[in-house]
């Protein structure tokens, strides 16, 4: 089988790349740049199997990292069941903190509320908010669910906070100060944390 990049380190975090598929086509997404992240080419000619992902993670010295982050060129929770299987296996071997960077569409993709299934497996969920209302969200994120994607994402955040210790709504720093303040208010209303992340992350 051809070699693919599954894990890639950035600082003291080990990132996990499981799919290039996504329900959004965000205009600012790093996947539309010509290169990968650092030296990692994240374009997958095929998706890795669950066992390949587990093996690749466990080949790393996890004591060197303070967080395992599911984040590649796609939406990791498109493969929700597979990602949970990986988390389950890693939790048996290590106490490393597990974070999932997501667009918050997992329930819509799966056709069920998956948030209870993250209980005890996922420590942090970081959800891309990226806009202060549904219209602007669709303009920026070009979601396959249309403006419904915005409300699906907020509903996912509300449900996830019951089962995941830390839930974050995030925006990129290209938004105006006023828009960022309005997004921070949305996170406050939902009852989760808020983070402004650098455009290049």
N, C-alpha and C. Protein backbone atom coordinates (compact mmCIF):
# COMPACT_ATOMS: atom_id res chain seq x y z
N UNK A 1 0.84 -1.20 0.00
CA UNK A 1 0.00 0.00 0.00
C UNK A 1 0.88 1.25 0.00
N UNK A 2 0.42 2.28 -0.67
CA UNK A 2 1.18 3.53 -0.72
C UNK A 2 1.22 4.19 0.65
N UNK A 3 2.33 4.87 0.93
CA UNK A 3 2.49 5.54 2.22
C UNK A 3 1.56 6.75 2.30
N UNK A 4 0.96 6.93 3.46
CA UNK A 4 0.11 8.09 3.71
C UNK A 4 0.49 8.68 5.06
N UNK A 5 0.25 9.98 5.22
CA UNK A 5 0.56 10.63 6.49
C UNK A 5 -0.66 10.53 7.41
N UNK A 6 -0.50 9.78 8.49
CA UNK A 6 -1.59 9.64 9.46
C UNK A 6 -1.36 10.56 10.64
N UNK A 7 -0.18 10.48 11.24
CA UNK A 7 0.12 11.36 12.37
C UNK A 7 1.22 12.35 11.98
N UNK A 8 1.16 13.54 12.58
CA UNK A 8 2.19 14.55 12.34
C UNK A 8 2.30 15.43 13.57
N UNK A 9 3.52 15.66 14.07
CA UNK A 9 3.71 16.46 15.28
C UNK A 9 3.78 17.94 14.96
N UNK A 10 3.19 18.74 15.83
CA UNK A 10 3.39 20.19 15.81
C UNK A 10 3.64 20.59 17.27
N UNK A 11 4.86 21.00 17.56
CA UNK A 11 5.21 21.34 18.94
C UNK A 11 5.03 20.13 19.84
N UNK A 12 4.29 20.33 20.93
CA UNK A 12 4.09 19.24 21.90
C UNK A 12 2.74 18.54 21.70
N UNK A 13 2.19 18.64 20.49
CA UNK A 13 0.93 17.96 20.17
C UNK A 13 1.15 17.00 19.00
N UNK A 14 0.47 15.87 19.05
CA UNK A 14 0.51 14.92 17.94
C UNK A 14 -0.85 14.94 17.26
N UNK A 15 -0.85 15.30 15.98
CA UNK A 15 -2.08 15.43 15.21
C UNK A 15 -2.36 14.16 14.43
N UNK A 16 -3.65 13.88 14.21
CA UNK A 16 -4.08 12.66 13.54
C UNK A 16 -4.96 13.01 12.34
N UNK A 17 -4.57 12.53 11.18
CA UNK A 17 -5.21 12.84 9.91
C UNK A 17 -5.96 11.60 9.42
N UNK A 18 -7.29 11.61 9.48
CA UNK A 18 -8.04 10.38 9.16
C UNK A 18 -8.87 10.46 7.89
N UNK A 19 -9.11 11.66 7.38
CA UNK A 19 -9.92 11.79 6.16
C UNK A 19 -9.67 13.15 5.52
N UNK A 20 -9.90 13.22 4.21
CA UNK A 20 -9.90 14.50 3.50
C UNK A 20 -11.32 14.98 3.20
N UNK A 21 -12.31 14.15 3.55
CA UNK A 21 -13.70 14.51 3.28
C UNK A 21 -14.19 15.56 4.29
N UNK A 22 -15.07 16.44 3.85
CA UNK A 22 -15.63 17.44 4.75
C UNK A 22 -17.00 17.89 4.24
N UNK A 23 -17.87 18.27 5.17
CA UNK A 23 -19.19 18.78 4.80
C UNK A 23 -19.16 20.28 4.51
N UNK A 24 -18.03 20.92 4.80
CA UNK A 24 -17.85 22.34 4.50
C UNK A 24 -16.77 22.53 3.45
N UNK A 25 -16.82 23.67 2.79
CA UNK A 25 -15.73 24.09 1.89
C UNK A 25 -15.34 25.51 2.28
N UNK A 26 -14.83 25.64 3.49
CA UNK A 26 -14.53 26.97 4.06
C UNK A 26 -13.54 27.73 3.18
N UNK A 27 -13.85 28.98 2.95
CA UNK A 27 -13.04 29.79 2.04
C UNK A 27 -11.64 30.05 2.57
N UNK A 28 -11.45 29.96 3.89
CA UNK A 28 -10.14 30.23 4.48
C UNK A 28 -9.36 28.94 4.75
N UNK A 29 -9.91 27.78 4.41
CA UNK A 29 -9.34 26.50 4.82
C UNK A 29 -7.93 26.29 4.26
N UNK A 30 -7.05 25.78 5.11
CA UNK A 30 -5.65 25.55 4.73
C UNK A 30 -5.54 24.48 3.64
N UNK A 31 -6.58 23.67 3.46
CA UNK A 31 -6.52 22.62 2.43
C UNK A 31 -6.46 23.21 1.03
N UNK A 32 -6.81 24.49 0.89
CA UNK A 32 -6.76 25.12 -0.43
C UNK A 32 -5.42 25.81 -0.70
N UNK A 33 -4.47 25.62 0.21
CA UNK A 33 -3.11 26.11 -0.04
C UNK A 33 -2.34 25.00 -0.75
N UNK A 34 -1.27 25.35 -1.48
CA UNK A 34 -0.60 24.34 -2.30
C UNK A 34 0.20 23.30 -1.53
N UNK A 35 0.55 23.57 -0.29
CA UNK A 35 1.39 22.63 0.45
C UNK A 35 0.66 22.12 1.68
N UNK A 36 1.31 21.21 2.37
CA UNK A 36 0.72 20.67 3.60
C UNK A 36 1.02 21.57 4.78
N UNK A 37 1.03 20.95 5.96
CA UNK A 37 1.35 21.67 7.18
C UNK A 37 2.76 21.29 7.58
N UNK A 38 3.68 22.27 7.58
CA UNK A 38 5.07 21.95 7.84
C UNK A 38 5.59 21.02 6.77
N UNK A 39 6.15 19.89 7.18
CA UNK A 39 6.66 18.90 6.23
C UNK A 39 5.65 17.80 5.94
N UNK A 40 4.46 17.91 6.48
CA UNK A 40 3.47 16.83 6.34
C UNK A 40 2.57 17.06 5.13
N UNK A 41 2.53 16.09 4.24
CA UNK A 41 1.60 16.11 3.12
C UNK A 41 0.33 15.38 3.57
N UNK A 42 -0.73 16.13 3.80
CA UNK A 42 -1.93 15.56 4.41
C UNK A 42 -2.96 15.06 3.39
N UNK A 43 -2.66 15.18 2.11
CA UNK A 43 -3.59 14.63 1.12
C UNK A 43 -3.52 13.12 1.16
N UNK A 44 -4.65 12.49 1.35
CA UNK A 44 -4.72 11.04 1.47
C UNK A 44 -5.17 10.42 0.15
N UNK A 45 -4.39 9.49 -0.37
CA UNK A 45 -4.83 8.77 -1.57
C UNK A 45 -5.85 7.69 -1.19
N UNK A 46 -5.88 7.36 0.10
CA UNK A 46 -6.90 6.47 0.66
C UNK A 46 -6.99 6.77 2.15
N UNK A 47 -8.13 6.46 2.75
CA UNK A 47 -8.26 6.67 4.19
C UNK A 47 -7.63 5.51 4.95
N UNK A 48 -6.89 5.80 6.01
CA UNK A 48 -6.27 4.72 6.78
C UNK A 48 -7.32 3.92 7.54
N UNK A 49 -7.02 2.66 7.77
CA UNK A 49 -7.91 1.82 8.57
C UNK A 49 -7.78 2.18 10.04
N UNK A 50 -8.72 1.73 10.83
CA UNK A 50 -8.66 1.96 12.27
C UNK A 50 -7.36 1.40 12.84
N UNK A 51 -7.01 0.20 12.45
CA UNK A 51 -5.79 -0.42 12.98
C UNK A 51 -4.54 0.34 12.55
N UNK A 52 -4.52 0.84 11.32
CA UNK A 52 -3.38 1.64 10.87
C UNK A 52 -3.25 2.91 11.71
N UNK A 53 -4.38 3.54 12.01
CA UNK A 53 -4.35 4.76 12.82
C UNK A 53 -3.82 4.46 14.21
N UNK A 54 -4.35 3.42 14.84
CA UNK A 54 -3.92 3.05 16.19
C UNK A 54 -2.43 2.73 16.20
N UNK A 55 -1.99 1.93 15.25
CA UNK A 55 -0.58 1.53 15.18
C UNK A 55 0.34 2.73 15.00
N UNK A 56 -0.08 3.67 14.13
CA UNK A 56 0.74 4.85 13.87
C UNK A 56 0.85 5.72 15.12
N UNK A 57 -0.25 5.87 15.84
CA UNK A 57 -0.22 6.67 17.08
C UNK A 57 0.68 6.01 18.11
N UNK A 58 0.54 4.71 18.28
CA UNK A 58 1.29 4.01 19.32
C UNK A 58 2.77 3.85 18.97
N UNK A 59 3.12 4.05 17.70
CA UNK A 59 4.54 4.05 17.32
C UNK A 59 5.25 5.29 17.88
N UNK A 60 4.49 6.35 18.09
CA UNK A 60 5.06 7.58 18.64
C UNK A 60 5.28 7.43 20.14
N UNK A 61 6.22 8.19 20.67
CA UNK A 61 6.41 8.23 22.13
C UNK A 61 5.41 9.23 22.69
N UNK A 62 4.26 8.74 23.12
CA UNK A 62 3.19 9.64 23.54
C UNK A 62 3.54 10.46 24.77
N UNK A 63 4.55 10.03 25.51
CA UNK A 63 4.99 10.81 26.68
C UNK A 63 5.60 12.15 26.26
N UNK A 64 5.99 12.26 24.98
CA UNK A 64 6.56 13.51 24.47
C UNK A 64 5.49 14.55 24.20
N UNK A 65 4.22 14.13 24.17
CA UNK A 65 3.15 15.03 23.75
C UNK A 65 2.15 15.23 24.88
N UNK A 66 1.58 16.43 24.93
CA UNK A 66 0.56 16.68 25.96
C UNK A 66 -0.86 16.60 25.42
N UNK A 67 -0.98 16.34 24.09
CA UNK A 67 -2.33 16.26 23.52
C UNK A 67 -2.28 15.48 22.21
N UNK A 68 -3.30 14.67 21.99
CA UNK A 68 -3.52 13.98 20.72
C UNK A 68 -4.70 14.66 20.06
N UNK A 69 -4.51 15.18 18.85
CA UNK A 69 -5.52 16.02 18.22
C UNK A 69 -5.96 15.42 16.88
N UNK A 70 -7.24 15.10 16.77
CA UNK A 70 -7.78 14.65 15.48
C UNK A 70 -8.06 15.88 14.63
N UNK A 71 -7.20 16.11 13.65
CA UNK A 71 -7.32 17.29 12.80
C UNK A 71 -6.44 17.10 11.58
N UNK A 72 -7.04 17.02 10.40
CA UNK A 72 -6.25 16.90 9.18
C UNK A 72 -6.81 17.81 8.12
N UNK A 73 -6.89 17.30 6.90
CA UNK A 73 -7.45 18.10 5.81
C UNK A 73 -8.94 17.89 5.65
N UNK A 74 -9.56 17.13 6.56
CA UNK A 74 -10.99 16.88 6.46
C UNK A 74 -11.65 16.94 7.82
N UNK A 75 -12.93 16.60 7.86
CA UNK A 75 -13.72 16.58 9.09
C UNK A 75 -13.59 15.19 9.73
N UNK A 76 -12.86 15.07 10.84
CA UNK A 76 -12.61 13.74 11.40
C UNK A 76 -13.87 12.98 11.79
N UNK A 77 -14.91 13.70 12.21
CA UNK A 77 -16.10 13.00 12.69
C UNK A 77 -17.01 12.52 11.57
N UNK A 78 -16.61 12.71 10.32
CA UNK A 78 -17.24 11.97 9.22
C UNK A 78 -17.02 10.49 9.47
N UNK A 79 -15.92 10.16 10.14
CA UNK A 79 -15.60 8.77 10.52
C UNK A 79 -15.80 8.60 12.02
N UNK A 80 -16.95 9.01 12.52
CA UNK A 80 -17.17 9.05 13.96
C UNK A 80 -16.89 7.71 14.64
N UNK A 81 -17.49 6.64 14.14
CA UNK A 81 -17.32 5.34 14.79
C UNK A 81 -15.86 4.90 14.79
N UNK A 82 -15.16 5.16 13.69
CA UNK A 82 -13.75 4.80 13.61
C UNK A 82 -12.91 5.63 14.59
N UNK A 83 -13.20 6.92 14.66
CA UNK A 83 -12.45 7.79 15.58
C UNK A 83 -12.68 7.36 17.03
N UNK A 84 -13.90 7.00 17.37
CA UNK A 84 -14.17 6.53 18.74
C UNK A 84 -13.45 5.22 19.02
N UNK A 85 -13.37 4.34 18.02
CA UNK A 85 -12.64 3.08 18.19
C UNK A 85 -11.16 3.37 18.46
N UNK A 86 -10.61 4.34 17.76
CA UNK A 86 -9.21 4.73 17.98
C UNK A 86 -9.04 5.31 19.39
N UNK A 87 -9.93 6.21 19.77
CA UNK A 87 -9.86 6.82 21.11
C UNK A 87 -9.92 5.75 22.20
N UNK A 88 -10.79 4.79 22.01
CA UNK A 88 -10.96 3.71 22.99
C UNK A 88 -9.65 2.93 23.15
N UNK A 89 -9.01 2.63 22.03
CA UNK A 89 -7.76 1.88 22.06
C UNK A 89 -6.63 2.68 22.71
N UNK A 90 -6.57 3.98 22.38
CA UNK A 90 -5.49 4.81 22.92
C UNK A 90 -5.67 5.02 24.42
N UNK A 91 -6.91 5.20 24.87
CA UNK A 91 -7.17 5.40 26.30
C UNK A 91 -6.73 4.19 27.12
N UNK A 92 -6.73 2.99 26.51
CA UNK A 92 -6.28 1.79 27.22
C UNK A 92 -4.77 1.76 27.39
N UNK A 93 -4.07 2.52 26.52
CA UNK A 93 -2.61 2.49 26.50
C UNK A 93 -1.95 3.74 27.09
N UNK A 94 -2.69 4.83 27.16
CA UNK A 94 -2.08 6.10 27.54
C UNK A 94 -3.11 7.02 28.20
N UNK A 95 -2.61 7.95 29.02
CA UNK A 95 -3.50 8.94 29.63
C UNK A 95 -3.43 10.28 28.90
N UNK A 96 -2.91 10.27 27.67
CA UNK A 96 -2.80 11.50 26.89
C UNK A 96 -4.18 12.12 26.68
N UNK A 97 -4.22 13.44 26.75
CA UNK A 97 -5.47 14.17 26.50
C UNK A 97 -5.83 14.05 25.02
N UNK A 98 -7.09 13.80 24.74
CA UNK A 98 -7.56 13.66 23.34
C UNK A 98 -8.50 14.82 23.00
N UNK A 99 -8.15 15.51 21.91
CA UNK A 99 -8.97 16.62 21.42
C UNK A 99 -9.43 16.30 20.00
N UNK A 100 -10.64 16.71 19.68
CA UNK A 100 -11.15 16.60 18.31
C UNK A 100 -11.48 18.00 17.81
N UNK A 101 -10.87 18.38 16.69
CA UNK A 101 -11.23 19.62 16.01
C UNK A 101 -12.29 19.28 14.97
N UNK A 102 -13.44 19.92 15.06
CA UNK A 102 -14.58 19.52 14.24
C UNK A 102 -15.39 20.71 13.77
N UNK A 103 -16.20 20.50 12.74
CA UNK A 103 -17.13 21.55 12.31
C UNK A 103 -18.49 21.40 12.99
N UNK A 104 -18.63 20.36 13.82
CA UNK A 104 -19.86 20.23 14.60
C UNK A 104 -21.04 19.61 13.88
N UNK A 105 -20.79 18.93 12.78
CA UNK A 105 -21.88 18.34 12.00
C UNK A 105 -22.05 16.84 12.24
N UNK A 106 -21.37 16.30 13.25
CA UNK A 106 -21.35 14.84 13.45
C UNK A 106 -22.74 14.24 13.61
N UNK A 107 -23.62 14.91 14.34
CA UNK A 107 -24.97 14.35 14.54
C UNK A 107 -25.74 14.29 13.22
N UNK A 108 -25.60 15.32 12.41
CA UNK A 108 -26.28 15.36 11.11
C UNK A 108 -25.69 14.27 10.19
N UNK A 109 -24.39 14.12 10.22
CA UNK A 109 -23.73 13.12 9.36
C UNK A 109 -24.16 11.71 9.76
N UNK A 110 -24.17 11.45 11.07
CA UNK A 110 -24.46 10.11 11.57
C UNK A 110 -25.96 9.79 11.59
N UNK A 111 -26.78 10.82 11.59
CA UNK A 111 -28.22 10.61 11.67
C UNK A 111 -28.69 10.24 13.07
N UNK A 112 -27.87 10.57 14.06
CA UNK A 112 -28.22 10.32 15.46
C UNK A 112 -27.39 11.25 16.33
N UNK A 113 -27.79 11.35 17.60
CA UNK A 113 -27.00 12.14 18.55
C UNK A 113 -25.83 11.27 19.01
N UNK A 114 -24.63 11.61 18.54
CA UNK A 114 -23.45 10.82 18.88
C UNK A 114 -22.74 11.31 20.14
N UNK A 115 -23.16 12.45 20.67
CA UNK A 115 -22.39 13.06 21.76
C UNK A 115 -22.25 12.16 22.99
N UNK A 116 -23.26 11.36 23.38
CA UNK A 116 -23.05 10.51 24.56
C UNK A 116 -21.93 9.49 24.36
N UNK A 117 -21.66 9.14 23.11
CA UNK A 117 -20.65 8.13 22.81
C UNK A 117 -19.23 8.67 22.99
N UNK A 118 -19.08 9.98 23.16
CA UNK A 118 -17.76 10.56 23.41
C UNK A 118 -17.39 10.55 24.89
N UNK A 119 -18.36 10.24 25.73
CA UNK A 119 -18.16 10.27 27.18
C UNK A 119 -17.03 9.33 27.59
N UNK A 120 -16.03 9.87 28.29
CA UNK A 120 -14.91 9.08 28.77
C UNK A 120 -13.82 8.83 27.74
N UNK A 121 -14.06 9.22 26.49
CA UNK A 121 -13.09 8.99 25.43
C UNK A 121 -12.45 10.28 24.93
N UNK A 122 -13.23 11.34 24.90
CA UNK A 122 -12.76 12.62 24.35
C UNK A 122 -12.70 13.64 25.48
N UNK A 123 -11.56 14.33 25.58
CA UNK A 123 -11.38 15.31 26.66
C UNK A 123 -11.73 16.73 26.23
N UNK A 124 -11.51 17.02 24.95
CA UNK A 124 -11.75 18.37 24.44
C UNK A 124 -12.37 18.27 23.05
N UNK A 125 -13.40 19.06 22.81
CA UNK A 125 -13.94 19.22 21.46
C UNK A 125 -13.86 20.70 21.10
N UNK A 126 -13.15 20.98 20.02
CA UNK A 126 -13.05 22.35 19.52
C UNK A 126 -13.85 22.45 18.24
N UNK A 127 -14.89 23.29 18.25
CA UNK A 127 -15.85 23.37 17.16
C UNK A 127 -15.69 24.72 16.43
N UNK A 128 -15.58 24.67 15.12
CA UNK A 128 -15.41 25.89 14.33
C UNK A 128 -16.75 26.62 14.20
N UNK A 129 -16.85 27.76 14.85
CA UNK A 129 -18.05 28.60 14.77
C UNK A 129 -17.97 29.49 13.52
N UNK A 130 -16.95 30.32 13.48
CA UNK A 130 -16.56 31.05 12.28
C UNK A 130 -17.48 32.15 11.77
N UNK A 131 -18.66 32.29 12.34
CA UNK A 131 -19.56 33.37 11.90
C UNK A 131 -20.61 33.61 12.97
N UNK A 132 -21.19 34.80 12.94
CA UNK A 132 -22.13 35.18 14.00
C UNK A 132 -23.58 34.84 13.67
N UNK A 133 -23.85 34.40 12.44
CA UNK A 133 -25.21 33.99 12.09
C UNK A 133 -25.18 32.99 10.94
N UNK A 134 -26.32 32.40 10.65
CA UNK A 134 -26.40 31.32 9.67
C UNK A 134 -26.04 31.78 8.26
N UNK A 135 -26.48 32.97 7.88
CA UNK A 135 -26.21 33.45 6.52
C UNK A 135 -24.71 33.64 6.31
N UNK A 136 -24.07 34.30 7.27
CA UNK A 136 -22.63 34.54 7.13
C UNK A 136 -21.85 33.23 7.22
N UNK A 137 -22.34 32.31 8.05
CA UNK A 137 -21.71 30.99 8.15
C UNK A 137 -21.72 30.31 6.79
N UNK A 138 -22.85 30.34 6.12
CA UNK A 138 -22.95 29.70 4.81
C UNK A 138 -22.08 30.41 3.78
N UNK A 139 -22.02 31.73 3.86
CA UNK A 139 -21.17 32.49 2.94
C UNK A 139 -19.70 32.10 3.09
N UNK A 140 -19.27 31.90 4.35
CA UNK A 140 -17.86 31.59 4.63
C UNK A 140 -17.56 30.10 4.47
N UNK A 141 -18.45 29.25 4.99
CA UNK A 141 -18.16 27.82 5.10
C UNK A 141 -18.69 26.98 3.96
N UNK A 142 -19.63 27.52 3.18
CA UNK A 142 -20.20 26.82 2.03
C UNK A 142 -20.55 25.37 2.43
N UNK A 143 -21.44 25.27 3.40
CA UNK A 143 -21.80 23.96 3.98
C UNK A 143 -22.77 23.22 3.06
N UNK A 144 -22.58 21.89 2.96
CA UNK A 144 -23.48 21.10 2.10
C UNK A 144 -24.89 21.04 2.68
N UNK A 145 -25.06 21.39 3.96
CA UNK A 145 -26.38 21.42 4.58
C UNK A 145 -27.01 22.80 4.52
N UNK A 146 -26.37 23.73 3.82
CA UNK A 146 -26.88 25.09 3.74
C UNK A 146 -26.80 25.78 5.10
N UNK A 147 -27.70 26.73 5.32
CA UNK A 147 -27.68 27.47 6.59
C UNK A 147 -28.00 26.58 7.78
N UNK A 148 -28.63 25.42 7.55
CA UNK A 148 -28.89 24.48 8.65
C UNK A 148 -27.60 24.06 9.34
N UNK A 149 -26.48 24.09 8.59
CA UNK A 149 -25.21 23.69 9.18
C UNK A 149 -24.84 24.50 10.40
N UNK A 150 -25.20 25.79 10.39
CA UNK A 150 -24.91 26.67 11.53
C UNK A 150 -25.66 26.20 12.77
N UNK A 151 -26.93 25.89 12.60
CA UNK A 151 -27.74 25.48 13.75
C UNK A 151 -27.39 24.06 14.21
N UNK A 152 -27.03 23.20 13.28
CA UNK A 152 -26.56 21.85 13.63
C UNK A 152 -25.32 21.95 14.51
N UNK A 153 -24.41 22.84 14.13
CA UNK A 153 -23.16 23.02 14.86
C UNK A 153 -23.40 23.52 16.28
N UNK A 154 -24.30 24.49 16.45
CA UNK A 154 -24.60 25.00 17.79
C UNK A 154 -25.30 23.95 18.64
N UNK A 155 -26.19 23.18 18.03
CA UNK A 155 -26.88 22.11 18.75
C UNK A 155 -25.89 21.04 19.20
N UNK A 156 -24.93 20.73 18.35
CA UNK A 156 -23.89 19.76 18.69
C UNK A 156 -23.10 20.25 19.90
N UNK A 157 -22.75 21.54 19.91
CA UNK A 157 -21.99 22.11 21.03
C UNK A 157 -22.78 21.99 22.34
N UNK A 158 -24.07 22.31 22.28
CA UNK A 158 -24.92 22.24 23.48
C UNK A 158 -24.99 20.81 24.02
N UNK A 159 -25.10 19.85 23.12
CA UNK A 159 -25.21 18.46 23.54
C UNK A 159 -23.87 17.90 24.01
N UNK A 160 -22.79 18.29 23.31
CA UNK A 160 -21.47 17.76 23.64
C UNK A 160 -21.01 18.16 25.03
N UNK A 161 -21.42 19.35 25.49
CA UNK A 161 -20.92 19.82 26.79
C UNK A 161 -21.42 18.95 27.95
N UNK A 162 -22.44 18.13 27.70
CA UNK A 162 -22.93 17.22 28.75
C UNK A 162 -21.98 16.03 28.95
N UNK A 163 -21.17 15.74 27.93
CA UNK A 163 -20.38 14.51 27.94
C UNK A 163 -18.88 14.72 27.81
N UNK A 164 -18.47 15.90 27.35
CA UNK A 164 -17.05 16.18 27.13
C UNK A 164 -16.63 17.28 28.11
N UNK A 165 -15.53 17.07 28.85
CA UNK A 165 -15.14 18.04 29.88
C UNK A 165 -14.92 19.46 29.38
N UNK A 166 -14.37 19.60 28.17
CA UNK A 166 -14.08 20.94 27.64
C UNK A 166 -14.60 21.05 26.21
N UNK A 167 -15.52 21.97 26.00
CA UNK A 167 -16.06 22.23 24.66
C UNK A 167 -15.78 23.69 24.33
N UNK A 168 -15.24 23.91 23.15
CA UNK A 168 -14.82 25.24 22.72
C UNK A 168 -15.47 25.58 21.39
N UNK A 169 -16.01 26.77 21.27
CA UNK A 169 -16.39 27.32 19.97
C UNK A 169 -15.27 28.27 19.55
N UNK A 170 -14.81 28.14 18.31
CA UNK A 170 -13.67 28.95 17.88
C UNK A 170 -13.97 29.70 16.59
N UNK A 171 -13.23 30.78 16.41
CA UNK A 171 -13.27 31.55 15.16
C UNK A 171 -11.84 31.85 14.74
N UNK A 172 -11.66 32.16 13.47
CA UNK A 172 -10.34 32.58 13.01
C UNK A 172 -10.21 34.10 13.15
N UNK A 173 -8.96 34.55 13.31
CA UNK A 173 -8.73 35.96 13.62
C UNK A 173 -8.88 36.90 12.42
N UNK A 174 -9.42 36.39 11.30
CA UNK A 174 -9.67 37.27 10.15
C UNK A 174 -10.99 38.04 10.31
N UNK A 175 -11.80 37.64 11.29
CA UNK A 175 -13.07 38.34 11.51
C UNK A 175 -12.81 39.70 12.15
N UNK A 176 -13.77 40.60 11.98
CA UNK A 176 -13.65 41.92 12.60
C UNK A 176 -13.79 41.79 14.12
N UNK A 177 -13.32 42.80 14.82
CA UNK A 177 -13.41 42.80 16.28
C UNK A 177 -14.87 42.68 16.73
N UNK A 178 -15.76 43.39 16.04
CA UNK A 178 -17.19 43.36 16.38
C UNK A 178 -17.76 41.96 16.18
N UNK A 179 -17.41 41.33 15.06
CA UNK A 179 -17.90 39.97 14.79
C UNK A 179 -17.37 38.98 15.82
N UNK A 180 -16.11 39.14 16.21
CA UNK A 180 -15.52 38.26 17.21
C UNK A 180 -16.25 38.42 18.55
N UNK A 181 -16.59 39.63 18.89
CA UNK A 181 -17.33 39.88 20.14
C UNK A 181 -18.71 39.21 20.09
N UNK A 182 -19.37 39.29 18.93
CA UNK A 182 -20.69 38.66 18.80
C UNK A 182 -20.59 37.13 18.86
N UNK A 183 -19.51 36.58 18.29
CA UNK A 183 -19.30 35.14 18.35
C UNK A 183 -19.00 34.70 19.78
N UNK A 184 -18.25 35.53 20.52
CA UNK A 184 -17.97 35.22 21.92
C UNK A 184 -19.26 35.17 22.73
N UNK A 185 -20.21 36.05 22.39
CA UNK A 185 -21.51 36.06 23.08
C UNK A 185 -22.29 34.79 22.77
N UNK A 186 -22.20 34.30 21.53
CA UNK A 186 -22.87 33.04 21.17
C UNK A 186 -22.32 31.91 22.03
N UNK A 187 -21.00 31.83 22.17
CA UNK A 187 -20.38 30.78 22.98
C UNK A 187 -20.84 30.89 24.44
N UNK A 188 -20.92 32.11 24.92
CA UNK A 188 -21.39 32.33 26.30
C UNK A 188 -22.83 31.84 26.46
N UNK A 189 -23.68 32.15 25.48
CA UNK A 189 -25.08 31.73 25.54
C UNK A 189 -25.21 30.21 25.48
N UNK A 190 -24.35 29.57 24.69
CA UNK A 190 -24.37 28.11 24.59
C UNK A 190 -23.82 27.47 25.87
N UNK A 191 -22.95 28.22 26.56
CA UNK A 191 -22.38 27.71 27.81
C UNK A 191 -21.09 26.95 27.62
N UNK A 192 -20.32 27.35 26.58
CA UNK A 192 -19.04 26.70 26.32
C UNK A 192 -17.94 27.76 26.22
N UNK A 193 -16.69 27.30 26.16
CA UNK A 193 -15.56 28.22 26.05
C UNK A 193 -15.48 28.81 24.65
N UNK A 194 -14.67 29.88 24.54
CA UNK A 194 -14.51 30.57 23.26
C UNK A 194 -13.03 30.79 23.01
N UNK A 195 -12.63 30.62 21.75
CA UNK A 195 -11.22 30.82 21.41
C UNK A 195 -11.11 31.47 20.04
N UNK A 196 -10.19 32.43 19.93
CA UNK A 196 -9.83 33.01 18.63
C UNK A 196 -8.53 32.35 18.20
N UNK A 197 -8.55 31.65 17.06
CA UNK A 197 -7.36 30.95 16.60
C UNK A 197 -6.75 31.67 15.42
N UNK A 198 -5.44 31.53 15.28
CA UNK A 198 -4.71 32.19 14.18
C UNK A 198 -5.15 31.60 12.85
N UNK A 199 -5.16 32.43 11.83
CA UNK A 199 -5.60 32.03 10.48
C UNK A 199 -4.84 30.80 9.99
N UNK A 200 -3.56 30.67 10.34
CA UNK A 200 -2.72 29.59 9.81
C UNK A 200 -2.91 28.27 10.53
N UNK A 201 -3.66 28.22 11.65
CA UNK A 201 -3.77 26.98 12.42
C UNK A 201 -4.64 25.95 11.71
